[in-house]
Amino acid sequence: MRRLTIDFMGNKKWLFAFSGVLIVISVAALLIRGLAFGIEFQGGSVMTFTGTQGVTVEQMRDGLREAGIADAGTAVVQQTDDGDFIVRTSEQDADDAAAQFGAVVGALGLPDQEANVTTIGPGWGANVTNAALIALAVSLIAILGYVSIRFEYKMSVTAIAALVHDVLIVLGLYALVGHEVTPNTVAALLTILGYSLYDTVVVFHRIRENSHNLVKHTFQQMANDSINQVLARSINTTVTSLIPVVCLLAFGGSTLKDFAFALVVGLTLGAYSSVGVASPLYALWKEREPRFQALKRKHEARARA
């Protein structure tokens, strides 16, 4: 049975155009709508109300307004599967947040309950933000160094380009749909970097193996064959990784769904960018070397003859 061969290199302009459109949309979303950072980054309070069966989201917002909460209209109000409510506000004083909790309970006529409030100050949020940025930066630098030593710098640069492509589009989608960026999102982004790099390294390893005795094909033709040789493996790895994450997205709680949402998008993008971004960029760059330029001219002359 003849294996299906996809001409990635022949369609690289379309692949680059598709990625370019996604990046433009993502950058526009980030600039216009911006990211909605969770209280872990900005500071604020999380209130958990129980005994709220029958209370709607709008009624909860009305209760927040009656309690005198300044950002009642913009506070994040989430209803759990049990009918309880989780409310995130910008209040950073623990005593004031507890007083507001009691006022909301009284305004909505909820059963008496202890103030279930978690308050995070701005200093802690700044530390989390700095730690997240440092983690992302160190990850990219480590990836750049490892791939450069293990393979070559051209592979590391194009691999980083694919990773930036994936992260930028995930963040752009977060801005479009209004999902909060939380520490779970950062963990998901770091996980995405690992999966995306794995797919890219698998393709790069096969390209390097096939390039040692390259005679019958140009570098781009050989790279295209290499992608198709490992394509089934990449698809199988991605699908098996996506199955539990999709289940988590469908059946997990609100916190887990944010994590799973980033992973579903990121894993899909990572599988695509390894064959649609990193490999074509690397092949184009590599074919500029004198050896492969001469090989390309030789094949073009043979084709004309």
C-alpha atoms as a PDB file:
ATOM      1  CA  MET A   1       0.000   0.000   0.000  1.00  0.00           C
ATOM      2  CA  ARG A   2       1.454   3.341  -1.075  1.00  0.00           C
ATOM      3  CA  ARG A   3       1.928   5.807   1.758  1.00  0.00           C
ATOM      4  CA  LEU A   4       0.163   9.141   1.485  1.00  0.00           C
ATOM      5  CA  THR A   5       2.686  11.933   0.923  1.00  0.00           C
ATOM      6  CA  ILE A   6       1.805  15.538   1.749  1.00  0.00           C
ATOM      7  CA  ASP A   7       3.764  18.264  -0.023  1.00  0.00           C
ATOM      8  CA  PHE A   8       4.521  20.520   2.934  1.00  0.00           C
ATOM      9  CA  MET A   9       7.410  22.248   1.196  1.00  0.00           C
ATOM     10  CA  GLY A  10       5.443  22.846  -1.974  1.00  0.00           C
ATOM     11  CA  ASN A  11       2.683  24.474   0.082  1.00  0.00           C
ATOM     12  CA  LYS A  12       4.952  26.322   2.498  1.00  0.00           C
ATOM     13  CA  LYS A  13       3.715  29.732   1.313  1.00  0.00           C
ATOM     14  CA  TRP A  14       0.148  28.773   2.223  1.00  0.00           C
ATOM     15  CA  LEU A  15       1.321  27.423   5.585  1.00  0.00           C
ATOM     16  CA  PHE A  16       3.245  30.618   6.309  1.00  0.00           C
ATOM     17  CA  ALA A  17       0.247  32.718   5.220  1.00  0.00           C
ATOM     18  CA  PHE A  18      -2.061  30.737   7.521  1.00  0.00           C
ATOM     19  CA  SER A  19       0.312  31.195  10.466  1.00  0.00           C
ATOM     20  CA  GLY A  20       0.721  34.861   9.591  1.00  0.00           C
ATOM     21  CA  VAL A  21      -3.037  35.441   9.682  1.00  0.00           C
ATOM     22  CA  LEU A  22      -3.306  33.714  13.077  1.00  0.00           C
ATOM     23  CA  ILE A  23      -0.432  35.783  14.459  1.00  0.00           C
ATOM     24  CA  VAL A  24      -1.906  39.060  13.170  1.00  0.00           C
ATOM     25  CA  ILE A  25      -5.272  38.213  14.742  1.00  0.00           C
ATOM     26  CA  SER A  26      -3.564  37.224  18.011  1.00  0.00           C
ATOM     27  CA  VAL A  27      -1.465  40.396  18.193  1.00  0.00           C
ATOM     28  CA  ALA A  28      -4.520  42.523  17.398  1.00  0.00           C
ATOM     29  CA  ALA A  29      -6.516  40.767  20.138  1.00  0.00           C
ATOM     30  CA  LEU A  30      -3.705  41.284  22.648  1.00  0.00           C
ATOM     31  CA  LEU A  31      -3.363  44.969  21.761  1.00  0.00           C
ATOM     32  CA  ILE A  32      -7.083  45.765  21.571  1.00  0.00           C
ATOM     33  CA  ARG A  33      -8.705  43.493  24.155  1.00  0.00           C
ATOM     34  CA  GLY A  34      -5.682  42.611  26.248  1.00  0.00           C
ATOM     35  CA  LEU A  35      -5.305  39.697  28.644  1.00  0.00           C
ATOM     36  CA  ALA A  36      -7.563  39.270  31.668  1.00  0.00           C
ATOM     37  CA  PHE A  37      -5.142  38.426  34.462  1.00  0.00           C
ATOM     38  CA  GLY A  38      -6.406  36.524  37.469  1.00  0.00           C
ATOM     39  CA  ILE A  39      -6.116  37.845  41.001  1.00  0.00           C
ATOM     40  CA  GLU A  40      -2.957  35.773  41.455  1.00  0.00           C
ATOM     41  CA  PHE A  41      -1.246  38.332  39.208  1.00  0.00           C
ATOM     42  CA  GLN A  42      -3.183  41.503  40.038  1.00  0.00           C
ATOM     43  CA  GLY A  43      -4.141  40.915  43.639  1.00  0.00           C
ATOM     44  CA  GLY A  44      -7.719  40.802  44.915  1.00  0.00           C
ATOM     45  CA  SER A  45     -10.193  38.562  46.720  1.00  0.00           C
ATOM     46  CA  VAL A  46     -11.954  35.292  45.981  1.00  0.00           C
ATOM     47  CA  MET A  47     -15.294  34.750  47.733  1.00  0.00           C
ATOM     48  CA  THR A  48     -17.045  31.379  47.742  1.00  0.00           C
ATOM     49  CA  PHE A  49     -20.785  31.492  48.498  1.00  0.00           C
ATOM     50  CA  THR A  50     -22.738  28.331  49.371  1.00  0.00           C
ATOM     51  CA  GLY A  51     -26.456  27.723  49.648  1.00  0.00           C
ATOM     52  CA  THR A  52     -27.061  29.739  46.480  1.00  0.00           C
ATOM     53  CA  GLN A  53     -29.344  27.265  44.703  1.00  0.00           C
ATOM     54  CA  GLY A  54     -31.821  29.220  42.625  1.00  0.00           C
ATOM     55  CA  VAL A  55     -29.670  32.362  42.534  1.00  0.00           C
ATOM     56  CA  THR A  56     -28.782  33.562  39.034  1.00  0.00           C
ATOM     57  CA  VAL A  57     -25.577  35.299  37.942  1.00  0.00           C
ATOM     58  CA  GLU A  58     -27.430  38.603  37.540  1.00  0.00           C
ATOM     59  CA  GLN A  59     -28.932  38.293  41.012  1.00  0.00           C
ATOM     60  CA  MET A  60     -25.450  37.666  42.383  1.00  0.00           C
ATOM     61  CA  ARG A  61     -24.194  40.824  40.651  1.00  0.00           C
ATOM     62  CA  ASP A  62     -27.134  42.761  42.130  1.00  0.00           C
ATOM     63  CA  GLY A  63     -26.125  41.456  45.552  1.00  0.00           C
ATOM     64  CA  LEU A  64     -22.553  42.634  44.968  1.00  0.00           C
ATOM     65  CA  ARG A  65     -23.837  46.103  44.075  1.00  0.00           C
ATOM     66  CA  GLU A  66     -26.058  46.239  47.174  1.00  0.00           C
ATOM     67  CA  ALA A  67     -23.038  45.267  49.256  1.00  0.00           C
ATOM     68  CA  GLY A  68     -21.213  48.325  47.911  1.00  0.00           C
ATOM     69  CA  ILE A  69     -18.535  46.428  46.012  1.00  0.00           C
ATOM     70  CA  ALA A  70     -16.992  48.968  43.637  1.00  0.00           C
ATOM     71  CA  ASP A  71     -16.249  46.589  40.775  1.00  0.00           C
ATOM     72  CA  ALA A  72     -19.519  44.630  40.995  1.00  0.00           C
ATOM     73  CA  GLY A  73     -20.120  45.082  37.267  1.00  0.00           C
ATOM     74  CA  THR A  74     -16.711  43.755  36.233  1.00  0.00           C
ATOM     75  CA  ALA A  75     -16.110  41.168  38.969  1.00  0.00           C
ATOM     76  CA  VAL A  76     -15.661  37.603  37.750  1.00  0.00           C
ATOM     77  CA  VAL A  77     -18.739  35.598  38.787  1.00  0.00           C
ATOM     78  CA  GLN A  78     -18.621  31.833  38.253  1.00  0.00           C
ATOM     79  CA  GLN A  79     -21.293  29.302  39.150  1.00  0.00           C
ATOM     80  CA  THR A  80     -20.058  25.816  40.046  1.00  0.00           C
ATOM     81  CA  ASP A  81     -21.711  22.532  39.115  1.00  0.00           C
ATOM     82  CA  ASP A  82     -23.102  22.364  42.679  1.00  0.00           C
ATOM     83  CA  GLY A  83     -24.865  25.706  42.277  1.00  0.00           C
ATOM     84  CA  ASP A  84     -22.404  27.591  44.488  1.00  0.00           C
ATOM     85  CA  PHE A  85     -20.762  30.841  43.390  1.00  0.00           C
ATOM     86  CA  ILE A  86     -17.110  31.861  43.166  1.00  0.00           C
ATOM     87  CA  VAL A  87     -16.675  35.633  42.919  1.00  0.00           C
ATOM     88  CA  ARG A  88     -13.380  37.396  42.209  1.00  0.00           C
ATOM     89  CA  THR A  89     -13.109  41.093  43.073  1.00  0.00           C
ATOM     90  CA  SER A  90     -10.274  43.630  43.203  1.00  0.00           C
ATOM     91  CA  GLU A  91     -10.539  44.150  46.977  1.00  0.00           C
ATOM     92  CA  GLN A  92      -7.081  43.615  48.514  1.00  0.00           C
ATOM     93  CA  ASP A  93      -7.860  44.229  52.193  1.00  0.00           C
ATOM     94  CA  ALA A  94      -8.812  41.037  54.058  1.00  0.00           C
ATOM     95  CA  ASP A  95     -11.093  42.735  56.611  1.00  0.00           C
ATOM     96  CA  ASP A  96     -12.968  44.736  53.979  1.00  0.00           C
ATOM     97  CA  ALA A  97     -13.397  41.622  51.837  1.00  0.00           C
ATOM     98  CA  ALA A  98     -14.840  39.693  54.794  1.00  0.00           C
ATOM     99  CA  ALA A  99     -17.270  42.566  55.502  1.00  0.00           C
ATOM    100  CA  GLN A 100     -18.326  42.602  51.840  1.00  0.00           C
ATOM    101  CA  PHE A 101     -18.906  38.830  51.990  1.00  0.00           C
ATOM    102  CA  GLY A 102     -21.301  39.257  54.901  1.00  0.00           C
ATOM    103  CA  ALA A 103     -23.076  42.118  53.142  1.00  0.00           C
ATOM    104  CA  VAL A 104     -23.660  39.982  50.025  1.00  0.00           C
ATOM    105  CA  VAL A 105     -25.020  37.115  52.150  1.00  0.00           C
ATOM    106  CA  GLY A 106     -27.460  39.514  53.788  1.00  0.00           C
ATOM    107  CA  ALA A 107     -28.466  41.204  50.530  1.00  0.00           C
ATOM    108  CA  LEU A 108     -29.310  37.875  48.844  1.00  0.00           C
ATOM    109  CA  GLY A 109     -30.850  36.289  51.958  1.00  0.00           C
ATOM    110  CA  LEU A 110     -28.394  33.371  51.882  1.00  0.00           C
ATOM    111  CA  PRO A 111     -27.995  30.951  54.816  1.00  0.00           C
ATOM    112  CA  ASP A 112     -25.600  32.145  57.518  1.00  0.00           C
ATOM    113  CA  GLN A 113     -22.065  31.014  56.710  1.00  0.00           C
ATOM    114  CA  GLU A 114     -18.500  31.778  57.663  1.00  0.00           C
ATOM    115  CA  ALA A 115     -16.722  34.222  55.383  1.00  0.00           C
ATOM    116  CA  ASN A 116     -14.993  31.992  52.833  1.00  0.00           C
ATOM    117  CA  VAL A 117     -12.622  34.634  51.469  1.00  0.00           C
ATOM    118  CA  THR A 118      -9.075  34.407  50.115  1.00  0.00           C
ATOM    119  CA  THR A 119      -7.266  37.721  49.694  1.00  0.00           C
ATOM    120  CA  ILE A 120      -4.068  38.206  47.699  1.00  0.00           C
ATOM    121  CA  GLY A 121      -2.063  41.408  48.019  1.00  0.00           C
ATOM    122  CA  PRO A 122      -0.406  43.223  45.115  1.00  0.00           C
ATOM    123  CA  GLY A 123       3.097  42.268  46.273  1.00  0.00           C
ATOM    124  CA  TRP A 124       2.382  38.545  46.006  1.00  0.00           C
ATOM    125  CA  GLY A 125       0.810  39.053  42.584  1.00  0.00           C
ATOM    126  CA  ALA A 126       3.913  40.891  41.364  1.00  0.00           C
ATOM    127  CA  ASN A 127       6.115  38.044  42.589  1.00  0.00           C
ATOM    128  CA  VAL A 128       3.982  35.505  40.708  1.00  0.00           C
ATOM    129  CA  THR A 129       4.163  37.605  37.534  1.00  0.00           C
ATOM    130  CA  ASN A 130       7.944  37.932  37.738  1.00  0.00           C
ATOM    131  CA  ALA A 131       8.349  34.223  38.453  1.00  0.00           C
ATOM    132  CA  ALA A 132       6.172  33.332  35.449  1.00  0.00           C
ATOM    133  CA  LEU A 133       8.153  35.587  33.102  1.00  0.00           C
ATOM    134  CA  ILE A 134      11.457  34.228  34.407  1.00  0.00           C
ATOM    135  CA  ALA A 135      10.245  30.644  33.951  1.00  0.00           C
ATOM    136  CA  LEU A 136       9.270  31.308  30.321  1.00  0.00           C
ATOM    137  CA  ALA A 137      12.526  33.142  29.557  1.00  0.00           C
ATOM    138  CA  VAL A 138      14.735  30.469  31.148  1.00  0.00           C
ATOM    139  CA  SER A 139      12.816  27.738  29.305  1.00  0.00           C
ATOM    140  CA  LEU A 140      13.390  29.406  25.922  1.00  0.00           C
ATOM    141  CA  ILE A 141      17.089  30.004  26.640  1.00  0.00           C
ATOM    142  CA  ALA A 142      17.577  26.407  27.794  1.00  0.00           C
ATOM    143  CA  ILE A 143      15.825  25.087  24.684  1.00  0.00           C
ATOM    144  CA  LEU A 144      17.964  27.333  22.468  1.00  0.00           C
ATOM    145  CA  GLY A 145      21.146  26.081  24.120  1.00  0.00           C
ATOM    146  CA  TYR A 146      20.229  22.388  24.145  1.00  0.00           C
ATOM    147  CA  VAL A 147      19.107  22.201  20.515  1.00  0.00           C
ATOM    148  CA  SER A 148      22.167  24.205  19.394  1.00  0.00           C
ATOM    149  CA  ILE A 149      24.512  21.766  21.146  1.00  0.00           C
ATOM    150  CA  ARG A 150      22.605  18.603  20.251  1.00  0.00           C
ATOM    151  CA  PHE A 151      21.875  19.580  16.632  1.00  0.00           C
ATOM    152  CA  GLU A 152      22.821  23.045  15.275  1.00  0.00           C
ATOM    153  CA  TYR A 153      21.938  26.671  15.879  1.00  0.00           C
ATOM    154  CA  LYS A 154      19.722  26.916  12.782  1.00  0.00           C
ATOM    155  CA  MET A 155      17.515  24.193  14.192  1.00  0.00           C
ATOM    156  CA  SER A 156      17.378  25.904  17.586  1.00  0.00           C
ATOM    157  CA  VAL A 157      16.411  29.282  16.116  1.00  0.00           C
ATOM    158  CA  THR A 158      13.623  27.832  13.952  1.00  0.00           C
ATOM    159  CA  ALA A 159      12.415  25.674  16.867  1.00  0.00           C
ATOM    160  CA  ILE A 160      12.182  28.796  19.058  1.00  0.00           C
ATOM    161  CA  ALA A 161      10.301  30.574  16.251  1.00  0.00           C
ATOM    162  CA  ALA A 162       7.730  27.754  16.266  1.00  0.00           C
ATOM    163  CA  LEU A 163       7.428  27.909  20.070  1.00  0.00           C
ATOM    164  CA  VAL A 164       6.876  31.688  20.019  1.00  0.00           C
ATOM    165  CA  HIS A 165       4.290  31.101  17.258  1.00  0.00           C
ATOM    166  CA  ASP A 166       2.418  28.635  19.491  1.00  0.00           C
ATOM    167  CA  VAL A 167       2.521  30.703  22.687  1.00  0.00           C
ATOM    168  CA  LEU A 168       1.533  33.927  20.907  1.00  0.00           C
ATOM    169  CA  ILE A 169      -1.519  32.335  19.296  1.00  0.00           C
ATOM    170  CA  VAL A 170      -2.614  30.694  22.572  1.00  0.00           C
ATOM    171  CA  LEU A 171      -2.395  34.037  24.379  1.00  0.00           C
ATOM    172  CA  GLY A 172      -4.204  35.744  21.503  1.00  0.00           C
ATOM    173  CA  LEU A 173      -7.029  33.233  21.772  1.00  0.00           C
ATOM    174  CA  TYR A 174      -7.182  33.854  25.531  1.00  0.00           C
ATOM    175  CA  ALA A 175      -7.584  37.558  24.800  1.00  0.00           C
ATOM    176  CA  LEU A 176     -10.305  36.883  22.201  1.00  0.00           C
ATOM    177  CA  VAL A 177     -12.462  34.633  24.384  1.00  0.00           C
ATOM    178  CA  GLY A 178     -11.761  36.496  27.624  1.00  0.00           C
ATOM    179  CA  HIS A 179     -10.322  33.579  29.611  1.00  0.00           C
ATOM    180  CA  GLU A 180      -8.390  34.604  32.721  1.00  0.00           C
ATOM    181  CA  VAL A 181      -4.639  34.106  32.737  1.00  0.00           C
ATOM    182  CA  THR A 182      -3.761  32.288  35.958  1.00  0.00           C
ATOM    183  CA  PRO A 183      -0.718  30.354  37.229  1.00  0.00           C
ATOM    184  CA  ASN A 184      -2.417  27.300  35.707  1.00  0.00           C
ATOM    185  CA  THR A 185      -2.187  29.022  32.327  1.00  0.00           C
ATOM    186  CA  VAL A 186       1.545  29.540  32.803  1.00  0.00           C
ATOM    187  CA  ALA A 187       1.931  25.859  33.712  1.00  0.00           C
ATOM    188  CA  ALA A 188      -0.011  24.944  30.576  1.00  0.00           C
ATOM    189  CA  LEU A 189       2.204  27.185  28.425  1.00  0.00           C
ATOM    190  CA  LEU A 190       5.353  25.539  29.785  1.00  0.00           C
ATOM    191  CA  THR A 191       3.824  22.129  29.088  1.00  0.00           C
ATOM    192  CA  ILE A 192       2.983  23.243  25.550  1.00  0.00           C
ATOM    193  CA  LEU A 193       6.618  24.256  24.999  1.00  0.00           C
ATOM    194  CA  GLY A 194       7.720  20.748  25.918  1.00  0.00           C
ATOM    195  CA  TYR A 195       5.250  18.961  23.635  1.00  0.00           C
ATOM    196  CA  SER A 196       5.857  21.328  20.728  1.00  0.00           C
ATOM    197  CA  LEU A 197       9.629  20.981  21.052  1.00  0.00           C
ATOM    198  CA  TYR A 198       9.323  17.195  21.155  1.00  0.00           C
ATOM    199  CA  ASP A 199       7.436  17.114  17.840  1.00  0.00           C
ATOM    200  CA  THR A 200       9.941  19.508  16.258  1.00  0.00           C
ATOM    201  CA  VAL A 201      12.989  17.564  17.469  1.00  0.00           C
ATOM    202  CA  VAL A 202      11.557  14.309  16.088  1.00  0.00           C
ATOM    203  CA  VAL A 203      11.283  15.885  12.627  1.00  0.00           C
ATOM    204  CA  PHE A 204      14.678  17.590  12.863  1.00  0.00           C
ATOM    205  CA  HIS A 205      16.342  14.327  13.882  1.00  0.00           C
ATOM    206  CA  ARG A 206      14.982  12.556  10.810  1.00  0.00           C
ATOM    207  CA  ILE A 207      16.011  15.461   8.555  1.00  0.00           C
ATOM    208  CA  ARG A 208      19.551  15.345   9.910  1.00  0.00           C
ATOM    209  CA  GLU A 209      19.775  11.583   9.383  1.00  0.00           C
ATOM    210  CA  ASN A 210      18.547  11.855   5.780  1.00  0.00           C
ATOM    211  CA  SER A 211      20.851  14.773   4.953  1.00  0.00           C
ATOM    212  CA  HIS A 212      24.131  12.898   5.447  1.00  0.00           C
ATOM    213  CA  ASN A 213      24.229  11.289   1.999  1.00  0.00           C
ATOM    214  CA  LEU A 214      21.945  13.610   0.099  1.00  0.00           C
ATOM    215  CA  VAL A 215      22.411  13.127  -3.669  1.00  0.00           C
ATOM    216  CA  LYS A 216      19.127  12.310  -5.418  1.00  0.00           C
ATOM    217  CA  HIS A 217      16.990  15.120  -3.940  1.00  0.00           C
ATOM    218  CA  THR A 218      17.246  18.774  -3.030  1.00  0.00           C
ATOM    219  CA  PHE A 219      17.319  19.649   0.660  1.00  0.00           C
ATOM    220  CA  GLN A 220      13.684  20.756   0.607  1.00  0.00           C
ATOM    221  CA  GLN A 221      12.595  17.537  -1.123  1.00  0.00           C
ATOM    222  CA  MET A 222      14.486  15.503   1.445  1.00  0.00           C
ATOM    223  CA  ALA A 223      13.000  17.561   4.287  1.00  0.00           C
ATOM    224  CA  ASN A 224       9.506  16.966   2.917  1.00  0.00           C
ATOM    225  CA  ASP A 225      10.152  13.214   2.771  1.00  0.00           C
ATOM    226  CA  SER A 226      11.490  13.324   6.334  1.00  0.00           C
ATOM    227  CA  ILE A 227       8.340  15.049   7.615  1.00  0.00           C
ATOM    228  CA  ASN A 228       6.134  12.442   5.954  1.00  0.00           C
ATOM    229  CA  GLN A 229       8.227   9.604   7.396  1.00  0.00           C
ATOM    230  CA  VAL A 230       7.501  10.725  10.982  1.00  0.00           C
ATOM    231  CA  LEU A 231       4.066  12.251  10.365  1.00  0.00           C
ATOM    232  CA  ALA A 232       2.114   9.198  11.536  1.00  0.00           C
ATOM    233  CA  ARG A 233       4.160   9.078  14.730  1.00  0.00           C
ATOM    234  CA  SER A 234       3.536  12.786  15.412  1.00  0.00           C
ATOM    235  CA  ILE A 235      -0.206  12.417  14.798  1.00  0.00           C
ATOM    236  CA  ASN A 236      -0.451   9.387  17.078  1.00  0.00           C
ATOM    237  CA  THR A 237       1.470  11.166  19.848  1.00  0.00           C
ATOM    238  CA  THR A 238      -0.686  14.277  19.571  1.00  0.00           C
ATOM    239  CA  VAL A 239      -3.994  12.401  19.511  1.00  0.00           C
ATOM    240  CA  THR A 240      -3.119  10.239  22.517  1.00  0.00           C
ATOM    241  CA  SER A 241      -2.017  13.371  24.394  1.00  0.00           C
ATOM    242  CA  LEU A 242      -5.189  15.241  23.458  1.00  0.00           C
ATOM    243  CA  ILE A 243      -7.668  12.540  24.525  1.00  0.00           C
ATOM    244  CA  PRO A 244      -7.234  12.940  28.327  1.00  0.00           C
ATOM    245  CA  VAL A 245      -6.933  16.730  27.996  1.00  0.00           C
ATOM    246  CA  VAL A 246     -10.180  16.965  26.009  1.00  0.00           C
ATOM    247  CA  CYS A 247     -11.891  14.840  28.688  1.00  0.00           C
ATOM    248  CA  LEU A 248     -10.519  17.223  31.304  1.00  0.00           C
ATOM    249  CA  LEU A 249     -11.880  20.169  29.327  1.00  0.00           C
ATOM    250  CA  ALA A 250     -15.297  18.530  29.029  1.00  0.00           C
ATOM    251  CA  PHE A 251     -15.713  17.186  32.564  1.00  0.00           C
ATOM    252  CA  GLY A 252     -13.194  19.057  34.762  1.00  0.00           C
ATOM    253  CA  GLY A 253     -13.999  21.852  37.155  1.00  0.00           C
ATOM    254  CA  SER A 254     -13.703  25.530  36.296  1.00  0.00           C
ATOM    255  CA  THR A 255     -10.040  25.746  37.370  1.00  0.00           C
ATOM    256  CA  LEU A 256      -9.045  22.608  35.475  1.00  0.00           C
ATOM    257  CA  LYS A 257     -10.947  23.729  32.381  1.00  0.00           C
ATOM    258  CA  ASP A 258      -8.779  26.842  32.067  1.00  0.00           C
ATOM    259  CA  PHE A 259      -5.684  24.641  32.200  1.00  0.00           C
ATOM    260  CA  ALA A 260      -7.145  22.122  29.746  1.00  0.00           C
ATOM    261  CA  PHE A 261      -8.275  24.851  27.327  1.00  0.00           C
ATOM    262  CA  ALA A 262      -4.717  26.137  26.936  1.00  0.00           C
ATOM    263  CA  LEU A 263      -3.383  22.600  26.523  1.00  0.00           C
ATOM    264  CA  VAL A 264      -5.896  21.608  23.823  1.00  0.00           C
ATOM    265  CA  VAL A 265      -5.085  24.682  21.748  1.00  0.00           C
ATOM    266  CA  GLY A 266      -1.356  24.466  22.431  1.00  0.00           C
ATOM    267  CA  LEU A 267      -0.960  20.762  21.670  1.00  0.00           C
ATOM    268  CA  THR A 268      -2.801  21.177  18.375  1.00  0.00           C
ATOM    269  CA  LEU A 269      -0.685  24.192  17.446  1.00  0.00           C
ATOM    270  CA  GLY A 270       2.498  22.394  18.485  1.00  0.00           C
ATOM    271  CA  ALA A 271       1.785  19.477  16.157  1.00  0.00           C
ATOM    272  CA  TYR A 272       1.077  21.900  13.313  1.00  0.00           C
ATOM    273  CA  SER A 273       4.021  24.253  13.887  1.00  0.00           C
ATOM    274  CA  SER A 274       6.584  21.441  13.863  1.00  0.00           C
ATOM    275  CA  VAL A 275       5.691  20.553  10.254  1.00  0.00           C
ATOM    276  CA  GLY A 276       4.164  23.837   9.057  1.00  0.00           C
ATOM    277  CA  VAL A 277       6.521  26.403  10.586  1.00  0.00           C
ATOM    278  CA  ALA A 278       9.778  25.050  12.063  1.00  0.00           C
ATOM    279  CA  SER A 279      10.631  22.491   9.368  1.00  0.00           C
ATOM    280  CA  PRO A 280       9.906  24.698   6.308  1.00  0.00           C
ATOM    281  CA  LEU A 281      11.818  27.612   7.874  1.00  0.00           C
ATOM    282  CA  TYR A 282      14.770  25.363   8.621  1.00  0.00           C
ATOM    283  CA  ALA A 283      14.751  23.829   5.130  1.00  0.00           C
ATOM    284  CA  LEU A 284      14.677  27.263   3.477  1.00  0.00           C
ATOM    285  CA  TRP A 285      17.533  28.496   5.645  1.00  0.00           C
ATOM    286  CA  LYS A 286      19.594  25.325   5.236  1.00  0.00           C
ATOM    287  CA  GLU A 287      19.241  25.292   1.454  1.00  0.00           C
ATOM    288  CA  ARG A 288      21.092  28.611   1.313  1.00  0.00           C
ATOM    289  CA  GLU A 289      24.323  26.823   2.216  1.00  0.00           C
ATOM    290  CA  PRO A 290      26.740  26.435  -0.745  1.00  0.00           C
ATOM    291  CA  ARG A 291      26.585  22.617  -0.763  1.00  0.00           C
ATOM    292  CA  PHE A 292      22.810  22.491  -0.961  1.00  0.00           C
ATOM    293  CA  GLN A 293      22.646  25.452  -3.333  1.00  0.00           C
ATOM    294  CA  ALA A 294      24.853  23.517  -5.754  1.00  0.00           C
ATOM    295  CA  LEU A 295      22.693  20.428  -5.328  1.00  0.00           C
ATOM    296  CA  LYS A 296      19.569  22.482  -6.057  1.00  0.00           C
ATOM    297  CA  ARG A 297      21.086  23.948  -9.245  1.00  0.00           C
ATOM    298  CA  LYS A 298      22.106  20.464 -10.349  1.00  0.00           C
ATOM    299  CA  HIS A 299      18.570  19.144  -9.966  1.00  0.00           C
ATOM    300  CA  GLU A 300      17.078  22.189 -11.701  1.00  0.00           C
ATOM    301  CA  ALA A 301      19.435  21.692 -14.661  1.00  0.00           C
ATOM    302  CA  ARG A 302      18.530  18.029 -14.802  1.00  0.00           C
ATOM    303  CA  ALA A 303      14.828  18.909 -14.733  1.00  0.00           C
ATOM    304  CA  ARG A 304      15.248  21.373 -17.611  1.00  0.00           C
ATOM    305  CA  ALA A 305      17.165  18.774 -19.641  1.00  0.00           C
END
